[in-house]
Amino acid sequence: MAVNRDIIRLGLIAATMVLALVVGARIYLSSQEAQRSVELAERASIFERPHSRSLGPADARVTVVEFLDPECESCRAMHPLVKRLLAQYPSDVRLVLRYMPLHGNSVYAAGALEAAGEQGLYWEMLESLFLHQPAWGNHHHPRPELIPGYAEELGLDMRRFERFLEAGRYRELVEIDRQDGAALGVRGTPTFFVNQRPLLRLGYAPLKAMIERELAQQ
């Protein structure tokens, strides 16, 4: 009888240990999964912040993040090509814009965009800045003082526009974007990421091909 009781006791101890190992393993796996979720969320946040401007459906299968400089000639050249791609994939592609100031008037121009955005005319202001970029953003003789005139042409409330610029809060947003871009290895503009993958060769065809690859893999 004593031997049987010892065997039962040992069996209970073994079962308890196995149960503890199973529970511990589940807890460990859950913590690892939670950590992975946190890491994925942190990685996603570096591509898009709450202040980021975007075009396209929120549930688009492909998100194109563009780090741009309003004073950059290459950004101006790529802009109509990006719009063409958005028109080609209206349900599947979403564009997110981030700032990477690399020229003397880049931060001020970004402020003008945000000031226009406060009045619901962000994208119209972006179009205007690119249209007139050779005048206000000429690298040899820049004339940023022309920018408020473009805002006025759009019908913006200029007192609100100027107050927004004077407050200077947009500078913090631009700096967040600059730091995120630097962390992602952005060294020039425009720089594109397609579903968080860097576009290695600039141009319409490479960007289109990368979008189509991402769509085909889903």
Protein backbone atom coordinates (compact mmCIF):
# COMPACT_ATOMS: atom_id res chain seq x y z
CA MET A 1 0.00 0.00 0.00
CA ALA A 2 2.81 2.42 0.91
CA VAL A 3 4.46 1.71 -2.44
CA ASN A 4 1.20 2.46 -4.26
CA ARG A 5 0.81 5.73 -2.36
CA ASP A 6 4.38 6.72 -3.28
CA ILE A 7 3.70 5.94 -6.93
CA ILE A 8 0.50 8.00 -6.87
CA ARG A 9 2.33 10.84 -5.15
CA LEU A 10 5.12 10.77 -7.71
CA GLY A 11 2.53 10.67 -10.49
CA LEU A 12 0.76 13.73 -9.10
CA ILE A 13 4.06 15.58 -8.77
CA ALA A 14 4.98 14.70 -12.37
CA ALA A 15 1.56 15.77 -13.64
CA THR A 16 1.84 19.04 -11.75
CA MET A 17 5.26 19.67 -13.25
CA VAL A 18 4.02 18.92 -16.76
CA LEU A 19 1.03 21.24 -16.22
CA ALA A 20 3.34 23.97 -14.95
CA LEU A 21 5.58 23.56 -18.00
CA VAL A 22 2.59 23.72 -20.36
CA VAL A 23 1.22 26.83 -18.65
CA GLY A 24 4.67 28.41 -18.61
CA ALA A 25 5.17 27.69 -22.28
CA ARG A 26 1.80 29.22 -23.15
CA ILE A 27 2.58 32.31 -21.10
CA TYR A 28 5.99 32.61 -22.78
CA LEU A 29 4.52 32.21 -26.26
CA SER A 30 1.81 34.74 -25.46
CA SER A 31 4.38 37.24 -24.22
CA GLN A 32 6.49 36.66 -27.34
CA GLU A 33 3.45 37.21 -29.56
CA ALA A 34 2.57 40.37 -27.64
CA GLN A 35 6.15 41.59 -28.03
CA ARG A 36 6.04 40.91 -31.77
CA SER A 37 2.77 42.83 -32.01
CA VAL A 38 4.32 45.78 -30.19
CA GLU A 39 7.38 45.68 -32.47
CA LEU A 40 5.19 45.57 -35.59
CA ALA A 41 3.10 48.48 -34.30
CA GLU A 42 6.24 50.50 -33.54
CA ARG A 43 7.65 49.76 -36.99
CA ALA A 44 4.37 50.76 -38.64
CA SER A 45 4.27 54.02 -36.68
CA ILE A 46 7.61 55.14 -38.07
CA PHE A 47 6.09 55.07 -41.56
CA GLU A 48 2.93 56.96 -40.69
CA ARG A 49 2.13 59.30 -37.82
CA PRO A 50 -1.27 60.67 -36.74
CA HIS A 51 -0.49 63.99 -38.45
CA SER A 52 0.47 62.38 -41.78
CA ARG A 53 -1.54 63.42 -44.82
CA SER A 54 -2.90 60.64 -47.01
CA LEU A 55 -4.90 59.98 -50.17
CA GLY A 56 -6.79 56.79 -50.94
CA PRO A 57 -8.90 54.27 -48.99
CA ALA A 58 -7.86 53.43 -45.45
CA ASP A 59 -8.19 49.70 -46.22
CA ALA A 60 -6.08 49.81 -49.37
CA ARG A 61 -3.97 46.71 -49.92
CA VAL A 62 -0.90 48.76 -50.77
CA THR A 63 0.34 51.80 -48.89
CA VAL A 64 2.92 54.00 -50.60
CA VAL A 65 4.80 56.26 -48.21
CA GLU A 66 6.63 59.15 -49.83
CA PHE A 67 9.20 61.29 -48.05
CA LEU A 68 9.23 64.55 -50.00
CA ASP A 69 10.55 68.06 -49.96
CA PRO A 70 8.24 70.72 -51.48
CA GLU A 71 11.33 72.52 -52.79
CA CYS A 72 12.74 69.39 -54.46
CA GLU A 73 12.69 69.36 -58.27
CA SER A 74 12.59 65.55 -58.42
CA CYS A 75 9.57 65.52 -56.10
CA ARG A 76 7.87 67.93 -58.47
CA ALA A 77 8.70 65.67 -61.43
CA MET A 78 7.40 62.51 -59.70
CA HIS A 79 4.19 64.11 -58.43
CA PRO A 80 2.07 63.69 -61.60
CA LEU A 81 3.34 60.11 -61.97
CA VAL A 82 2.27 59.26 -58.42
CA LYS A 83 -1.15 60.78 -59.12
CA ARG A 84 -1.42 58.64 -62.25
CA LEU A 85 -0.77 55.49 -60.22
CA LEU A 86 -3.37 56.49 -57.63
CA ALA A 87 -5.88 56.92 -60.46
CA GLN A 88 -4.97 53.50 -61.88
CA TYR A 89 -5.48 51.72 -58.55
CA PRO A 90 -8.21 53.77 -56.82
CA SER A 91 -9.31 50.96 -54.50
CA ASP A 92 -5.96 49.30 -53.86
CA VAL A 93 -3.37 52.03 -53.32
CA ARG A 94 -3.07 54.64 -50.62
CA LEU A 95 -0.49 57.44 -50.54
CA VAL A 96 0.99 58.79 -47.30
CA LEU A 97 3.14 61.93 -47.44
CA ARG A 98 5.99 62.65 -45.04
CA TYR A 99 8.37 65.61 -44.99
CA MET A 100 12.12 65.42 -45.46
CA PRO A 101 13.38 69.03 -45.50
CA LEU A 102 16.63 69.27 -47.44
CA HIS A 103 16.53 72.82 -48.86
CA GLY A 104 16.54 76.30 -47.37
CA ASN A 105 12.81 76.99 -47.61
CA SER A 106 11.54 73.43 -47.17
CA VAL A 107 10.28 73.85 -43.61
CA TYR A 108 8.48 77.09 -44.43
CA ALA A 109 6.85 75.48 -47.48
CA ALA A 110 5.76 72.52 -45.33
CA GLY A 111 4.25 75.03 -42.90
CA ALA A 112 2.31 76.62 -45.76
CA LEU A 113 0.98 73.19 -46.69
CA GLU A 114 -0.12 72.48 -43.13
CA ALA A 115 -1.69 75.94 -42.85
CA ALA A 116 -3.66 75.25 -46.02
CA GLY A 117 -4.54 71.81 -44.72
CA GLU A 118 -6.05 73.38 -41.62
CA GLN A 119 -8.52 75.03 -44.00
CA GLY A 120 -9.13 71.86 -46.03
CA LEU A 121 -6.93 72.76 -49.01
CA TYR A 122 -3.77 70.77 -48.36
CA TRP A 123 -3.64 68.97 -51.70
CA GLU A 124 -4.56 72.08 -53.65
CA MET A 125 -1.70 73.92 -51.96
CA LEU A 126 0.69 71.11 -52.80
CA GLU A 127 -0.34 71.34 -56.45
CA SER A 128 0.21 75.10 -56.38
CA LEU A 129 3.64 74.85 -54.75
CA PHE A 130 4.80 72.34 -57.34
CA LEU A 131 3.30 74.38 -60.17
CA HIS A 132 5.13 77.54 -59.07
CA GLN A 133 8.22 75.84 -57.67
CA PRO A 134 10.56 77.26 -60.36
CA ALA A 135 9.70 80.75 -59.09
CA TRP A 136 9.62 80.46 -55.30
CA GLY A 137 12.01 77.51 -55.00
CA ASN A 138 14.69 78.46 -57.50
CA HIS A 139 17.89 77.18 -55.89
CA HIS A 140 19.96 80.13 -57.14
CA HIS A 141 17.44 82.84 -56.33
CA PRO A 142 14.61 81.50 -54.10
CA ARG A 143 11.60 83.72 -53.42
CA PRO A 144 9.62 82.12 -50.57
CA GLU A 145 7.80 85.43 -50.06
CA LEU A 146 5.69 84.42 -53.08
CA ILE A 147 4.11 81.49 -51.24
CA PRO A 148 1.40 83.46 -49.38
CA GLY A 149 0.24 84.76 -52.76
CA TYR A 150 -0.40 81.21 -53.92
CA ALA A 151 -2.41 80.58 -50.75
CA GLU A 152 -4.46 83.70 -51.41
CA GLU A 153 -5.15 82.55 -54.97
CA LEU A 154 -6.67 79.38 -53.54
CA GLY A 155 -9.10 81.48 -51.50
CA LEU A 156 -7.61 80.75 -48.09
CA ASP A 157 -8.38 82.94 -45.11
CA MET A 158 -5.04 84.73 -45.02
CA ARG A 159 -5.32 85.91 -41.43
CA ARG A 160 -5.75 82.28 -40.31
CA PHE A 161 -2.97 81.24 -42.65
CA GLU A 162 -0.51 83.76 -41.22
CA ARG A 163 -1.51 83.02 -37.60
CA PHE A 164 -0.87 79.33 -38.20
CA LEU A 165 2.60 80.02 -39.58
CA GLU A 166 3.43 82.44 -36.77
CA ALA A 167 2.48 79.84 -34.13
CA GLY A 168 5.16 77.57 -35.58
CA ARG A 169 3.67 74.30 -34.36
CA TYR A 170 4.16 72.77 -37.79
CA ARG A 171 7.90 72.73 -37.16
CA GLU A 172 7.46 69.93 -34.64
CA LEU A 173 5.59 67.82 -37.21
CA VAL A 174 8.29 68.39 -39.81
CA GLU A 175 10.98 67.43 -37.31
CA ILE A 176 9.15 64.19 -36.42
CA ASP A 177 9.04 63.32 -40.10
CA ARG A 178 12.70 64.20 -40.56
CA GLN A 179 13.74 61.97 -37.66
CA ASP A 180 11.58 59.08 -38.88
CA GLY A 181 13.04 59.45 -42.35
CA ALA A 182 16.58 59.47 -40.99
CA ALA A 183 15.83 56.33 -38.97
CA LEU A 184 14.60 54.65 -42.15
CA GLY A 185 17.72 55.63 -44.05
CA VAL A 186 16.17 58.39 -46.16
CA ARG A 187 18.98 60.47 -47.62
CA GLY A 188 17.30 62.15 -50.58
CA THR A 189 13.91 63.04 -51.96
CA PRO A 190 11.63 61.70 -53.07
CA THR A 191 12.07 58.39 -51.26
CA PHE A 192 9.29 55.82 -51.51
CA PHE A 193 8.31 52.82 -49.41
CA VAL A 194 5.74 50.35 -50.73
CA ASN A 195 4.15 48.38 -47.90
CA GLN A 196 7.20 49.34 -45.85
CA ARG A 197 9.65 48.08 -48.50
CA PRO A 198 12.00 50.68 -50.02
CA LEU A 199 11.76 51.50 -53.71
CA LEU A 200 15.33 51.08 -54.90
CA ARG A 201 15.04 52.74 -58.31
CA LEU A 202 13.13 55.97 -58.79
CA GLY A 203 10.61 56.27 -61.60
CA TYR A 204 7.09 55.51 -62.71
CA ALA A 205 7.80 52.01 -64.05
CA PRO A 206 9.69 50.74 -60.96
CA LEU A 207 7.03 52.12 -58.62
CA LYS A 208 4.21 50.60 -60.68
CA ALA A 209 5.99 47.24 -60.83
CA MET A 210 6.48 47.19 -57.07
CA ILE A 211 2.81 48.01 -56.45
CA GLU A 212 1.75 45.22 -58.79
CA ARG A 213 4.07 42.73 -57.05
CA GLU A 214 2.59 43.62 -53.69
CA LEU A 215 -0.95 43.20 -55.05
CA ALA A 216 -0.08 39.84 -56.64
CA GLN A 217 1.31 38.49 -53.36
CA GLN A 218 -1.92 39.11 -51.45
